[in-house]
Amino acid sequence: MDDFKSITVKSVMVNGKKELEIHNPAGLPLVGAGAQGAVFRLSSGKCVKIYVDPRTAYWEAKALLAANGSPYFPKLYRHGSRYVVMEYLKGPTLRDYLLEHPGLTESFAAQLLALLKEMRRLKFSRIDTRTAHLIVTEGGRLKAIDHSGAYRTVRRAPFMLLRSLHRAGCLQDFLKYVARHDPKLYMKWRKKRAEGTDLGGVPRLPRIEKLLDSTEKDE
């Protein structure tokens, strides 16, 4: 049951670049790996993430504990000094989905806005995500992964999400939806963008009147 505890991951330098070195004596199927650690499948409904840094495991578990019961986050089952056992989410990332199905549907736009509001309700200090960290599950429901920065990074506007939607060619679809359904929030984002803080390649956000006017014309 706890075979995964024999798995270790560490960051090593290879030709001047950081790579993840994985030792998996348990032979569990590898789901994915990144800078923070690696994810292994335990069963049809569970997976475990093994972390390089125990502090990252702590912060991920803290965020998932706060979000337990929310429809936008995977369930948390167990956690330890270097691991988190959580719900296994089957489906493509939103980034990959949009490559195959260009254009952001109203359902996805609504879920993205609801997710950001949920992060605020949960008192995350980072109200942000990106399309590569969103899984399109059965029925087209979005769930967000990778939350180790939820309480360690301060970001009050979703610039990572806006940038990734821009790259996917559907930023305007999302901005139109937000302008129509939560104009006050959109104006806060626009103000943050105008201040020039934490931009990371985010394009300038149009005036809300322009977005609402284009929405009316589309209808």
Foldseek 3Di string as FASTA:
>chain_A
DVLQVVKAWAWDADPNDTDIDIDRPVPFAWPDADDFFTKGDDDPWKIKTFGHALLLQVLQVVVLVLCAPPPQAWHWDDGDSGMTMTTDADAAFQLVVCVVVPEDDPVNLVLLVVQLVVLVVSVFQASEDARRQWGQGPPRHIHGDDCSCRNVDHDNAHQRHLQRCVVSVHNLVNLLSCLVPPVVSSVVNQVVVVVVPPRPPRDHDDDSVVSPVVVVVVD
